[in-house]
Each structure stands twice: as structure tokens, then as C-alpha cells.
């Protein structure tokens, strides 16, 4: 199970743009790398738990996923739109305002409503779990996925943290926050339109 194709797939899916990575970059800009660590660890842990549960109960999940898909899409897109609104109103780095980074639990739970996360987890379980694999194989797969995921998503938080020093002027930071908010909102709307087109 610890093969190069699996690690390549997880790394590629983890490092490419998506809601988690956009939020990490924005959090790095607004709160710095250290304060973004719980968010990063929540994503990787939530991803690993999701791989474990989906891999261990693949038949059950496949039966119910189609029925749950509209609810997951609606919940995920609503949350992305709320995050976009929150991002558009984020404050100056280090200003000590009301804003705070997404925490460990919130980031871990977000994995259950992000369509990219579900696609990644289902592909990992279907493509890389051996036929007839049990919970022990699913556990090993989950640990590997979480370990590969963490450094990949950390790149986005580090990039945001480095960018924050270039965005000290309030106008530049506001433009960045509006841009990130627009990307999150566009992601949510794109997912909704795509879902309606497939229905």
C-alpha cells in the first residue's frame, strides 16, 4: 500500500488549489503560519479520519453517498460562501481584532462537506485499497494520506505567511482579502452550477 502512485496521487490532490488551500493561504496572510497550524492539522487529521471511515465502510458509503450528495454540496457551498464573506471582512495582520483563524475542529469537520475532499477520499479508497481490505488496511491508508497531505497543504500556509509582510498596507491587504473571498465564492458557485447541470 505504501507505493509511489498512491503518494503521488495524494500529494497532487493535496497541493493543487481548492477550498482548503485557499483558506490556508488567506489564514497565513491574516494570522501567520504559527496561528494557522491548528487549521492545517485539522485538515490533515480530518482527511485521514475521512479516509479511514470511507475506506473501512466503502460499500455502505457508496450506497448512501448518492442520496447525500445534494445535502453535502449545499452544506459545503453554503459554508464556502460564509467563509468568503468572513474573508472579505478580515482585518489587518496582527491588529488583534475580532478575526481568528479556523481551528482544528472546524477544519477537520470541513473535510466532510468539501466536494474536492470527497472526490479525493473516494478515489483513494477505490483505487488503492486492496480487494477485501479491512479496517487495518484502511487505517494504514489513512495515516499515509494524512502524512502526505500535511506538508503539501503547509506550502499554502507558508506562502500566505510570507505574503503577509508584503501586505502590511491596509489597502493591499483589503484587496488580497477581497480577491481570496471572490475565489472562494466563485468556487462555491462553480460547484453549485456544476451540480445543477449534472442533476
N, C-alpha and C. Protein backbone atom coordinates (compact mmCIF):
# COMPACT_ATOMS: atom_id res chain seq x y z
N UNK A 1 0.82 -1.21 0.00
CA UNK A 1 0.00 0.00 0.00
C UNK A 1 0.86 1.26 0.00
N UNK A 2 2.08 1.20 0.51
CA UNK A 2 2.95 2.37 0.56
C UNK A 2 3.69 2.52 -0.77
N UNK A 3 2.94 2.73 -1.84
CA UNK A 3 3.56 2.79 -3.15
C UNK A 3 3.58 4.21 -3.71
N UNK A 4 4.45 4.38 -4.70
CA UNK A 4 4.65 5.69 -5.30
C UNK A 4 3.39 6.26 -5.96
N UNK A 5 2.61 5.46 -6.70
CA UNK A 5 1.40 6.03 -7.31
C UNK A 5 0.43 6.61 -6.28
N UNK A 6 0.26 5.92 -5.15
CA UNK A 6 -0.62 6.43 -4.09
C UNK A 6 -0.09 7.75 -3.55
N UNK A 7 1.19 7.79 -3.22
CA UNK A 7 1.77 9.01 -2.65
C UNK A 7 1.72 10.16 -3.65
N UNK A 8 1.95 9.85 -4.92
CA UNK A 8 1.88 10.88 -5.96
C UNK A 8 0.46 11.43 -6.08
N UNK A 9 -0.52 10.53 -6.07
CA UNK A 9 -1.92 10.96 -6.18
C UNK A 9 -2.31 11.86 -5.00
N UNK A 10 -2.01 11.41 -3.79
CA UNK A 10 -2.38 12.18 -2.60
C UNK A 10 -1.66 13.52 -2.58
N UNK A 11 -0.37 13.54 -2.93
CA UNK A 11 0.39 14.79 -2.95
C UNK A 11 -0.17 15.75 -3.98
N UNK A 12 -0.48 15.24 -5.17
CA UNK A 12 -1.01 16.10 -6.23
C UNK A 12 -2.36 16.68 -5.85
N UNK A 13 -3.24 15.84 -5.33
CA UNK A 13 -4.56 16.32 -4.92
C UNK A 13 -4.47 17.28 -3.74
N UNK A 14 -3.50 17.06 -2.86
CA UNK A 14 -3.36 17.91 -1.67
C UNK A 14 -2.78 19.28 -2.00
N UNK A 15 -1.87 19.34 -2.96
CA UNK A 15 -1.16 20.60 -3.20
C UNK A 15 -1.87 21.49 -4.21
N UNK A 16 -2.78 20.94 -5.00
CA UNK A 16 -3.46 21.76 -6.01
C UNK A 16 -4.50 22.67 -5.37
N UNK A 17 -4.85 23.77 -6.05
CA UNK A 17 -5.81 24.72 -5.46
C UNK A 17 -7.16 24.08 -5.17
N UNK A 18 -7.73 24.50 -4.10
CA UNK A 18 -9.05 24.05 -3.66
C UNK A 18 -9.44 24.87 -2.46
N UNK A 19 -10.64 24.66 -1.93
CA UNK A 19 -11.09 25.46 -0.79
C UNK A 19 -10.14 25.43 0.41
N UNK A 20 -9.64 24.24 0.78
CA UNK A 20 -8.73 24.16 1.92
C UNK A 20 -7.48 25.00 1.71
N UNK A 21 -6.86 24.89 0.53
CA UNK A 21 -5.62 25.60 0.29
C UNK A 21 -5.82 27.11 0.16
N UNK A 22 -6.94 27.51 -0.43
CA UNK A 22 -7.24 28.95 -0.47
C UNK A 22 -7.41 29.52 0.94
N UNK A 23 -8.12 28.76 1.80
CA UNK A 23 -8.31 29.22 3.18
C UNK A 23 -6.99 29.25 3.94
N UNK A 24 -6.10 28.27 3.68
CA UNK A 24 -4.80 28.27 4.36
C UNK A 24 -3.94 29.46 3.94
N UNK A 25 -3.94 29.76 2.64
CA UNK A 25 -3.16 30.91 2.18
C UNK A 25 -3.69 32.20 2.80
N UNK A 26 -5.01 32.33 2.84
CA UNK A 26 -5.61 33.53 3.44
C UNK A 26 -5.33 33.59 4.93
N UNK A 27 -5.38 32.46 5.61
CA UNK A 27 -5.08 32.43 7.04
C UNK A 27 -3.62 32.78 7.30
N UNK A 28 -2.72 32.28 6.44
CA UNK A 28 -1.30 32.63 6.58
C UNK A 28 -1.08 34.12 6.45
N UNK A 29 -1.78 34.75 5.50
CA UNK A 29 -1.65 36.20 5.32
C UNK A 29 -2.18 36.94 6.53
N UNK A 30 -3.35 36.56 7.00
CA UNK A 30 -4.02 37.31 8.05
C UNK A 30 -3.57 36.98 9.47
N UNK A 31 -3.07 35.76 9.69
CA UNK A 31 -2.75 35.35 11.06
C UNK A 31 -1.34 34.79 11.23
N UNK A 32 -0.63 34.54 10.12
CA UNK A 32 0.71 33.98 10.20
C UNK A 32 0.69 32.46 10.25
N UNK A 33 1.86 31.87 10.03
CA UNK A 33 1.96 30.42 9.95
C UNK A 33 1.64 29.74 11.28
N UNK A 34 2.19 30.25 12.36
CA UNK A 34 2.02 29.60 13.67
C UNK A 34 0.56 29.51 14.07
N UNK A 35 -0.20 30.60 13.88
CA UNK A 35 -1.61 30.59 14.26
C UNK A 35 -2.46 29.79 13.27
N UNK A 36 -1.90 29.46 12.11
CA UNK A 36 -2.60 28.65 11.11
C UNK A 36 -2.35 27.15 11.32
N UNK A 37 -1.40 26.79 12.17
CA UNK A 37 -1.09 25.38 12.41
C UNK A 37 -2.31 24.54 12.81
N UNK A 38 -3.16 24.99 13.76
CA UNK A 38 -4.34 24.15 14.09
C UNK A 38 -5.23 23.91 12.88
N UNK A 39 -5.38 24.90 12.03
CA UNK A 39 -6.17 24.76 10.81
C UNK A 39 -5.56 23.68 9.92
N UNK A 40 -4.24 23.74 9.71
CA UNK A 40 -3.55 22.74 8.88
C UNK A 40 -3.68 21.34 9.47
N UNK A 41 -3.43 21.22 10.77
CA UNK A 41 -3.52 19.90 11.41
C UNK A 41 -4.94 19.37 11.38
N UNK A 42 -5.93 20.27 11.49
CA UNK A 42 -7.32 19.84 11.39
C UNK A 42 -7.64 19.28 10.01
N UNK A 43 -7.13 19.93 8.97
CA UNK A 43 -7.36 19.44 7.60
C UNK A 43 -6.75 18.05 7.43
N UNK A 44 -5.49 17.88 7.80
CA UNK A 44 -4.83 16.59 7.61
C UNK A 44 -5.46 15.50 8.47
N UNK A 45 -5.79 15.83 9.71
CA UNK A 45 -6.42 14.84 10.58
C UNK A 45 -7.82 14.50 10.08
N UNK A 46 -8.59 15.52 9.73
CA UNK A 46 -9.92 15.27 9.18
C UNK A 46 -9.86 14.44 7.92
N UNK A 47 -8.88 14.71 7.07
CA UNK A 47 -8.70 13.94 5.84
C UNK A 47 -8.38 12.48 6.17
N UNK A 48 -7.47 12.28 7.11
CA UNK A 48 -7.11 10.92 7.50
C UNK A 48 -8.28 10.15 8.08
N UNK A 49 -9.06 10.79 8.96
CA UNK A 49 -10.24 10.14 9.54
C UNK A 49 -11.26 9.82 8.45
N UNK A 50 -11.42 10.73 7.51
CA UNK A 50 -12.35 10.50 6.42
C UNK A 50 -11.90 9.31 5.57
N UNK A 51 -10.61 9.21 5.27
CA UNK A 51 -10.10 8.07 4.51
C UNK A 51 -10.34 6.78 5.29
N UNK A 52 -10.08 6.80 6.58
CA UNK A 52 -10.29 5.61 7.41
C UNK A 52 -11.74 5.16 7.37
N UNK A 53 -12.65 6.08 7.62
CA UNK A 53 -14.07 5.71 7.69
C UNK A 53 -14.62 5.31 6.32
N UNK A 54 -14.24 6.05 5.29
CA UNK A 54 -14.73 5.71 3.95
C UNK A 54 -14.10 4.41 3.47
N UNK A 55 -12.80 4.25 3.69
CA UNK A 55 -12.14 3.02 3.27
C UNK A 55 -12.65 1.80 4.02
N UNK A 56 -12.92 1.97 5.30
CA UNK A 56 -13.38 0.85 6.11
C UNK A 56 -14.83 0.48 5.86
N UNK A 57 -15.60 1.41 5.35
CA UNK A 57 -17.03 1.16 5.14
C UNK A 57 -17.44 1.56 3.72
N UNK A 58 -16.59 1.22 2.75
CA UNK A 58 -16.78 1.69 1.38
C UNK A 58 -18.13 1.30 0.80
N UNK A 59 -18.56 0.08 0.98
CA UNK A 59 -19.83 -0.35 0.39
C UNK A 59 -20.99 0.48 0.94
N UNK A 60 -21.01 0.70 2.23
CA UNK A 60 -22.09 1.48 2.85
C UNK A 60 -22.06 2.92 2.35
N UNK A 61 -20.87 3.50 2.28
CA UNK A 61 -20.75 4.88 1.82
C UNK A 61 -21.20 5.01 0.37
N UNK A 62 -20.81 4.07 -0.47
CA UNK A 62 -21.19 4.15 -1.88
C UNK A 62 -22.71 4.08 -2.04
N UNK A 63 -23.38 3.31 -1.19
CA UNK A 63 -24.84 3.21 -1.25
C UNK A 63 -25.50 4.52 -0.87
N UNK A 64 -24.99 5.16 0.16
CA UNK A 64 -25.62 6.37 0.70
C UNK A 64 -25.12 7.66 0.08
N UNK A 65 -23.93 7.64 -0.51
CA UNK A 65 -23.33 8.88 -0.98
C UNK A 65 -24.18 9.59 -2.03
N UNK A 66 -24.75 8.83 -2.95
CA UNK A 66 -25.54 9.46 -3.99
C UNK A 66 -26.74 10.19 -3.40
N UNK A 67 -27.37 9.59 -2.39
CA UNK A 67 -28.51 10.23 -1.75
C UNK A 67 -28.08 11.45 -0.93
N UNK A 68 -26.90 11.40 -0.36
CA UNK A 68 -26.41 12.50 0.48
C UNK A 68 -25.75 13.62 -0.32
N UNK A 69 -25.41 13.36 -1.58
CA UNK A 69 -24.66 14.33 -2.38
C UNK A 69 -25.28 15.72 -2.41
N UNK A 70 -26.59 15.87 -2.70
CA UNK A 70 -27.15 17.23 -2.72
C UNK A 70 -26.99 17.95 -1.38
N UNK A 71 -27.18 17.23 -0.28
CA UNK A 71 -27.03 17.83 1.04
C UNK A 71 -25.58 18.24 1.29
N UNK A 72 -24.63 17.36 0.93
CA UNK A 72 -23.21 17.69 1.10
C UNK A 72 -22.81 18.90 0.25
N UNK A 73 -23.28 18.93 -0.99
CA UNK A 73 -22.96 20.06 -1.88
C UNK A 73 -23.55 21.35 -1.32
N UNK A 74 -24.81 21.30 -0.89
CA UNK A 74 -25.45 22.51 -0.34
C UNK A 74 -24.73 22.99 0.92
N UNK A 75 -24.40 22.05 1.82
CA UNK A 75 -23.71 22.42 3.06
C UNK A 75 -22.32 22.97 2.76
N UNK A 76 -21.58 22.29 1.89
CA UNK A 76 -20.23 22.74 1.56
C UNK A 76 -20.21 24.10 0.89
N UNK A 77 -21.12 24.31 -0.05
CA UNK A 77 -21.16 25.60 -0.76
C UNK A 77 -21.62 26.72 0.16
N UNK A 78 -22.59 26.43 1.02
CA UNK A 78 -23.03 27.45 1.99
C UNK A 78 -21.88 27.85 2.90
N UNK A 79 -21.13 26.86 3.36
CA UNK A 79 -20.00 27.14 4.24
C UNK A 79 -18.93 27.94 3.50
N UNK A 80 -18.66 27.59 2.24
CA UNK A 80 -17.69 28.34 1.45
C UNK A 80 -18.12 29.79 1.27
N UNK A 81 -19.41 30.01 1.02
CA UNK A 81 -19.90 31.39 0.86
C UNK A 81 -19.77 32.16 2.18
N UNK A 82 -20.06 31.50 3.30
CA UNK A 82 -19.88 32.15 4.60
C UNK A 82 -18.40 32.48 4.83
N UNK A 83 -17.51 31.54 4.48
CA UNK A 83 -16.08 31.80 4.63
C UNK A 83 -15.62 32.93 3.71
N UNK A 84 -16.20 33.00 2.52
CA UNK A 84 -15.86 34.10 1.60
C UNK A 84 -16.27 35.43 2.21
N UNK A 85 -17.46 35.50 2.79
CA UNK A 85 -17.91 36.74 3.44
C UNK A 85 -16.96 37.09 4.59
N UNK A 86 -16.60 36.09 5.39
CA UNK A 86 -15.70 36.30 6.52
C UNK A 86 -14.33 36.77 6.04
N UNK A 87 -13.85 36.16 4.94
CA UNK A 87 -12.54 36.54 4.39
C UNK A 87 -12.56 37.98 3.88
N UNK A 88 -13.65 38.38 3.24
CA UNK A 88 -13.74 39.75 2.72
C UNK A 88 -13.68 40.77 3.84
N UNK A 89 -14.04 40.37 5.04
CA UNK A 89 -14.06 41.30 6.18
C UNK A 89 -12.92 41.05 7.17
N UNK A 90 -11.89 40.31 6.73
CA UNK A 90 -10.75 40.03 7.61
C UNK A 90 -9.96 41.32 7.85
N UNK A 91 -9.30 41.37 8.99
CA UNK A 91 -8.60 42.59 9.40
C UNK A 91 -7.14 42.61 9.05
N UNK A 92 -6.47 43.61 9.54
CA UNK A 92 -5.04 43.83 9.34
C UNK A 92 -4.25 42.77 10.10
N UNK A 93 -3.17 42.21 9.52
CA UNK A 93 -2.37 41.23 10.25
C UNK A 93 -1.86 41.81 11.58
N UNK A 94 -2.03 41.03 12.63
CA UNK A 94 -1.52 41.42 13.94
C UNK A 94 -2.30 42.54 14.60
N UNK A 95 -3.44 42.91 14.05
CA UNK A 95 -4.19 44.02 14.62
C UNK A 95 -4.94 43.63 15.88
N UNK A 96 -5.09 42.31 16.12
CA UNK A 96 -5.76 41.86 17.33
C UNK A 96 -7.24 42.12 17.30
N UNK A 97 -7.83 42.17 16.14
CA UNK A 97 -9.26 42.41 16.02
C UNK A 97 -10.06 41.16 16.33
N UNK A 98 -11.30 41.16 15.83
CA UNK A 98 -12.20 40.06 16.13
C UNK A 98 -11.87 38.80 15.34
N UNK A 99 -11.16 38.92 14.23
CA UNK A 99 -10.88 37.77 13.40
C UNK A 99 -9.97 36.77 14.09
N UNK A 100 -10.19 35.51 13.76
CA UNK A 100 -9.30 34.48 14.25
C UNK A 100 -9.27 33.36 13.22
N UNK A 101 -8.17 32.60 13.15
CA UNK A 101 -8.06 31.55 12.15
C UNK A 101 -9.03 30.41 12.46
N UNK A 102 -9.36 29.66 11.41
CA UNK A 102 -10.18 28.46 11.58
C UNK A 102 -9.40 27.49 12.45
N UNK A 103 -10.06 26.89 13.41
CA UNK A 103 -9.38 25.99 14.33
C UNK A 103 -9.32 24.55 13.86
N UNK A 104 -8.74 23.71 14.69
CA UNK A 104 -8.54 22.30 14.38
C UNK A 104 -9.86 21.58 14.10
N UNK A 105 -10.82 21.72 14.99
CA UNK A 105 -12.10 21.00 14.86
C UNK A 105 -12.86 21.48 13.62
N UNK A 106 -12.94 22.79 13.44
CA UNK A 106 -13.64 23.33 12.28
C UNK A 106 -13.03 22.87 10.97
N UNK A 107 -11.70 22.86 10.91
CA UNK A 107 -11.01 22.42 9.70
C UNK A 107 -11.22 20.92 9.46
N UNK A 108 -11.18 20.13 10.55
CA UNK A 108 -11.39 18.68 10.41
C UNK A 108 -12.81 18.38 9.93
N UNK A 109 -13.78 19.08 10.49
CA UNK A 109 -15.18 18.85 10.09
C UNK A 109 -15.45 19.34 8.67
N UNK A 110 -14.75 20.37 8.22
CA UNK A 110 -14.95 20.90 6.88
C UNK A 110 -14.66 19.85 5.82
N UNK A 111 -13.79 18.88 6.12
CA UNK A 111 -13.45 17.86 5.14
C UNK A 111 -14.67 17.04 4.71
N UNK A 112 -15.69 17.00 5.56
CA UNK A 112 -16.87 16.19 5.27
C UNK A 112 -17.85 16.90 4.35
N UNK A 113 -17.63 18.18 4.07
CA UNK A 113 -18.56 18.90 3.19
C UNK A 113 -17.86 19.50 1.97
N UNK A 114 -16.57 19.25 1.80
CA UNK A 114 -15.89 19.78 0.63
C UNK A 114 -15.89 18.74 -0.50
N UNK A 115 -16.45 19.08 -1.64
CA UNK A 115 -16.51 18.12 -2.75
C UNK A 115 -15.15 17.61 -3.19
N UNK A 116 -14.13 18.47 -3.21
CA UNK A 116 -12.79 18.02 -3.60
C UNK A 116 -12.29 16.95 -2.63
N UNK A 117 -12.56 17.16 -1.35
CA UNK A 117 -12.16 16.17 -0.34
C UNK A 117 -12.84 14.83 -0.56
N UNK A 118 -14.13 14.85 -0.83
CA UNK A 118 -14.86 13.60 -1.07
C UNK A 118 -14.33 12.90 -2.31
N UNK A 119 -14.09 13.64 -3.38
CA UNK A 119 -13.57 13.04 -4.60
C UNK A 119 -12.23 12.38 -4.33
N UNK A 120 -11.38 13.07 -3.61
CA UNK A 120 -10.05 12.56 -3.31
C UNK A 120 -10.14 11.29 -2.46
N UNK A 121 -10.95 11.32 -1.41
CA UNK A 121 -11.06 10.19 -0.50
C UNK A 121 -11.65 8.97 -1.19
N UNK A 122 -12.71 9.18 -1.97
CA UNK A 122 -13.32 8.04 -2.66
C UNK A 122 -12.35 7.43 -3.68
N UNK A 123 -11.63 8.28 -4.41
CA UNK A 123 -10.64 7.75 -5.35
C UNK A 123 -9.54 6.97 -4.64
N UNK A 124 -9.06 7.49 -3.52
CA UNK A 124 -8.02 6.79 -2.76
C UNK A 124 -8.54 5.43 -2.31
N UNK A 125 -9.75 5.40 -1.75
CA UNK A 125 -10.30 4.14 -1.24
C UNK A 125 -10.54 3.14 -2.37
N UNK A 126 -11.08 3.62 -3.48
CA UNK A 126 -11.39 2.71 -4.59
C UNK A 126 -10.12 2.23 -5.29
N UNK A 127 -9.19 3.14 -5.52
CA UNK A 127 -8.00 2.80 -6.32
C UNK A 127 -6.88 2.12 -5.53
N UNK A 128 -6.77 2.42 -4.23
CA UNK A 128 -5.58 1.98 -3.52
C UNK A 128 -5.82 1.01 -2.37
N UNK A 129 -7.06 0.73 -2.03
CA UNK A 129 -7.30 -0.31 -1.03
C UNK A 129 -7.36 -1.65 -1.75
N UNK A 130 -6.64 -2.65 -1.27
CA UNK A 130 -6.71 -3.96 -1.90
C UNK A 130 -8.12 -4.54 -1.79
N UNK A 131 -8.48 -5.40 -2.72
CA UNK A 131 -9.78 -6.06 -2.70
C UNK A 131 -9.95 -6.81 -1.38
N UNK A 132 -11.08 -6.61 -0.74
CA UNK A 132 -11.37 -7.30 0.52
C UNK A 132 -10.61 -6.74 1.70
N UNK A 133 -10.04 -5.55 1.57
CA UNK A 133 -9.26 -4.96 2.67
C UNK A 133 -10.17 -4.65 3.85
N UNK A 134 -9.61 -4.75 5.04
CA UNK A 134 -10.37 -4.46 6.26
C UNK A 134 -9.96 -3.13 6.87
N UNK A 135 -10.37 -2.96 8.12
CA UNK A 135 -10.10 -1.70 8.83
C UNK A 135 -8.62 -1.47 9.03
N UNK A 136 -7.82 -2.55 9.18
CA UNK A 136 -6.38 -2.36 9.39
C UNK A 136 -5.73 -1.73 8.16
N UNK A 137 -6.11 -2.19 6.98
CA UNK A 137 -5.58 -1.59 5.74
C UNK A 137 -6.08 -0.16 5.58
N UNK A 138 -7.35 0.07 5.93
CA UNK A 138 -7.90 1.42 5.84
C UNK A 138 -7.17 2.37 6.80
N UNK A 139 -6.81 1.87 7.98
CA UNK A 139 -6.09 2.68 8.96
C UNK A 139 -4.71 3.07 8.42
N UNK A 140 -3.98 2.11 7.85
CA UNK A 140 -2.66 2.42 7.28
C UNK A 140 -2.77 3.42 6.14
N UNK A 141 -3.79 3.24 5.30
CA UNK A 141 -4.01 4.17 4.20
C UNK A 141 -4.31 5.57 4.74
N UNK A 142 -5.13 5.66 5.79
CA UNK A 142 -5.50 6.95 6.38
C UNK A 142 -4.28 7.67 6.93
N UNK A 143 -3.43 6.95 7.65
CA UNK A 143 -2.23 7.55 8.23
C UNK A 143 -1.31 8.06 7.12
N UNK A 144 -1.11 7.25 6.09
CA UNK A 144 -0.26 7.67 4.98
C UNK A 144 -0.82 8.92 4.30
N UNK A 145 -2.13 8.92 4.05
CA UNK A 145 -2.75 10.08 3.39
C UNK A 145 -2.57 11.35 4.22
N UNK A 146 -2.79 11.25 5.52
CA UNK A 146 -2.64 12.42 6.39
C UNK A 146 -1.19 12.91 6.39
N UNK A 147 -0.24 11.98 6.42
CA UNK A 147 1.17 12.35 6.45
C UNK A 147 1.63 12.99 5.14
N UNK A 148 1.11 12.53 4.02
CA UNK A 148 1.47 13.12 2.74
C UNK A 148 0.76 14.47 2.56
N UNK A 149 -0.48 14.54 3.04
CA UNK A 149 -1.29 15.75 2.90
C UNK A 149 -0.69 16.95 3.63
N UNK A 150 -0.21 16.74 4.85
CA UNK A 150 0.21 17.86 5.71
C UNK A 150 1.30 18.74 5.09
N UNK A 151 2.42 18.20 4.61
CA UNK A 151 3.43 19.10 4.04
C UNK A 151 2.95 19.78 2.76
N UNK A 152 2.05 19.12 2.02
CA UNK A 152 1.54 19.72 0.78
C UNK A 152 0.69 20.95 1.07
N UNK A 153 -0.20 20.84 2.05
CA UNK A 153 -1.05 21.99 2.38
C UNK A 153 -0.28 23.05 3.14
N UNK A 154 0.79 22.63 3.83
CA UNK A 154 1.61 23.60 4.56
C UNK A 154 2.23 24.62 3.61
N UNK A 155 2.49 24.22 2.37
CA UNK A 155 3.05 25.16 1.39
C UNK A 155 2.15 26.38 1.22
N UNK A 156 0.84 26.18 1.26
CA UNK A 156 -0.10 27.29 1.09
C UNK A 156 -0.09 28.21 2.30
N UNK A 157 0.00 27.63 3.49
CA UNK A 157 0.06 28.46 4.70
C UNK A 157 1.37 29.24 4.76
N UNK A 158 2.47 28.60 4.38
CA UNK A 158 3.78 29.27 4.36
C UNK A 158 3.76 30.41 3.33
N UNK A 159 3.20 30.14 2.15
CA UNK A 159 3.12 31.18 1.12
C UNK A 159 2.31 32.37 1.63
N UNK A 160 1.20 32.09 2.29
CA UNK A 160 0.40 33.18 2.86
C UNK A 160 1.16 33.94 3.93
N UNK A 161 1.88 33.20 4.78
CA UNK A 161 2.66 33.83 5.84
C UNK A 161 3.74 34.75 5.26
N UNK A 162 4.41 34.32 4.19
CA UNK A 162 5.43 35.15 3.56
C UNK A 162 4.82 36.36 2.88
N UNK A 163 3.65 36.18 2.32
CA UNK A 163 2.97 37.25 1.62
C UNK A 163 2.46 38.33 2.58
N UNK A 164 2.21 37.96 3.81
CA UNK A 164 1.63 38.92 4.76
C UNK A 164 2.54 40.13 4.98
N UNK A 165 3.85 39.95 4.85
CA UNK A 165 4.78 41.07 5.05
C UNK A 165 4.73 42.06 3.90
N UNK A 166 4.25 41.59 2.76
CA UNK A 166 4.09 42.49 1.61
C UNK A 166 2.73 43.17 1.62
N UNK A 167 1.88 42.74 2.52
CA UNK A 167 0.50 43.27 2.56
C UNK A 167 0.24 44.04 3.86
N UNK A 168 1.24 44.74 4.35
CA UNK A 168 1.07 45.50 5.60
C UNK A 168 0.19 46.71 5.42
N UNK A 169 0.15 47.26 4.23
CA UNK A 169 -0.70 48.43 3.98
C UNK A 169 -2.16 47.96 3.94
N UNK A 170 -3.04 48.64 4.67
CA UNK A 170 -4.44 48.20 4.74
C UNK A 170 -5.12 48.03 3.38
N UNK A 171 -4.81 48.92 2.45
CA UNK A 171 -5.46 48.81 1.13
C UNK A 171 -5.01 47.54 0.40
N UNK A 172 -3.72 47.20 0.46
CA UNK A 172 -3.21 45.99 -0.18
C UNK A 172 -3.81 44.74 0.46
N UNK A 173 -3.90 44.75 1.79
CA UNK A 173 -4.49 43.61 2.50
C UNK A 173 -5.97 43.46 2.15
N UNK A 174 -6.68 44.58 2.09
CA UNK A 174 -8.10 44.53 1.74
C UNK A 174 -8.29 43.97 0.34
N UNK A 175 -7.46 44.39 -0.61
CA UNK A 175 -7.54 43.85 -1.97
C UNK A 175 -7.28 42.35 -1.99
N UNK A 176 -6.28 41.92 -1.23
CA UNK A 176 -5.99 40.48 -1.15
C UNK A 176 -7.18 39.73 -0.57
N UNK A 177 -7.72 40.23 0.54
CA UNK A 177 -8.85 39.55 1.19
C UNK A 177 -10.07 39.50 0.28
N UNK A 178 -10.35 40.59 -0.44
CA UNK A 178 -11.47 40.57 -1.38
C UNK A 178 -11.20 39.59 -2.52
N UNK A 179 -9.96 39.52 -2.98
CA UNK A 179 -9.61 38.58 -4.04
C UNK A 179 -9.78 37.13 -3.59
N UNK A 180 -9.31 36.81 -2.38
CA UNK A 180 -9.47 35.45 -1.86
C UNK A 180 -10.94 35.14 -1.61
N UNK A 181 -11.68 36.12 -1.12
CA UNK A 181 -13.12 35.92 -0.91
C UNK A 181 -13.82 35.65 -2.23
N UNK A 182 -13.43 36.39 -3.27
CA UNK A 182 -14.03 36.18 -4.59
C UNK A 182 -13.71 34.79 -5.11
N UNK A 183 -12.48 34.30 -4.90
CA UNK A 183 -12.12 32.95 -5.34
C UNK A 183 -12.93 31.90 -4.59
N UNK A 184 -13.10 32.05 -3.28
CA UNK A 184 -13.91 31.09 -2.52
C UNK A 184 -15.36 31.12 -2.97
N UNK A 185 -15.91 32.31 -3.16
CA UNK A 185 -17.30 32.42 -3.62
C UNK A 185 -17.45 31.83 -5.02
N UNK A 186 -16.49 32.10 -5.89
CA UNK A 186 -16.54 31.55 -7.25
C UNK A 186 -16.45 30.03 -7.22
N UNK A 187 -15.63 29.49 -6.32
CA UNK A 187 -15.55 28.03 -6.17
C UNK A 187 -16.90 27.46 -5.77
N UNK A 188 -17.53 28.08 -4.78
CA UNK A 188 -18.85 27.60 -4.33
C UNK A 188 -19.88 27.67 -5.45
N UNK A 189 -19.91 28.77 -6.18
CA UNK A 189 -20.88 28.93 -7.26
C UNK A 189 -20.60 27.98 -8.40
N UNK A 190 -19.33 27.75 -8.72
CA UNK A 190 -18.97 26.80 -9.76
C UNK A 190 -19.45 25.39 -9.40
N UNK A 191 -19.24 25.01 -8.13
CA UNK A 191 -19.69 23.68 -7.67
C UNK A 191 -21.21 23.57 -7.78
N UNK A 192 -21.92 24.61 -7.35
CA UNK A 192 -23.39 24.59 -7.43
C UNK A 192 -23.89 24.48 -8.86
N UNK A 193 -23.32 25.28 -9.75
CA UNK A 193 -23.72 25.23 -11.16
C UNK A 193 -23.43 23.86 -11.75
N UNK A 194 -22.25 23.32 -11.45
CA UNK A 194 -21.88 22.00 -11.95
C UNK A 194 -22.84 20.94 -11.44
N UNK A 195 -23.22 21.05 -10.17
CA UNK A 195 -24.14 20.07 -9.57
C UNK A 195 -25.52 20.16 -10.22
N UNK A 196 -26.00 21.37 -10.46
CA UNK A 196 -27.30 21.54 -11.11
C UNK A 196 -27.28 21.02 -12.54
N UNK A 197 -26.16 21.20 -13.22
CA UNK A 197 -26.03 20.71 -14.59
C UNK A 197 -26.07 19.19 -14.65
N UNK A 198 -25.51 18.53 -13.61
CA UNK A 198 -25.47 17.07 -13.58
C UNK A 198 -26.79 16.47 -13.11
N UNK A 199 -27.63 17.26 -12.45
CA UNK A 199 -28.88 16.73 -11.89
C UNK A 199 -29.90 16.40 -12.97
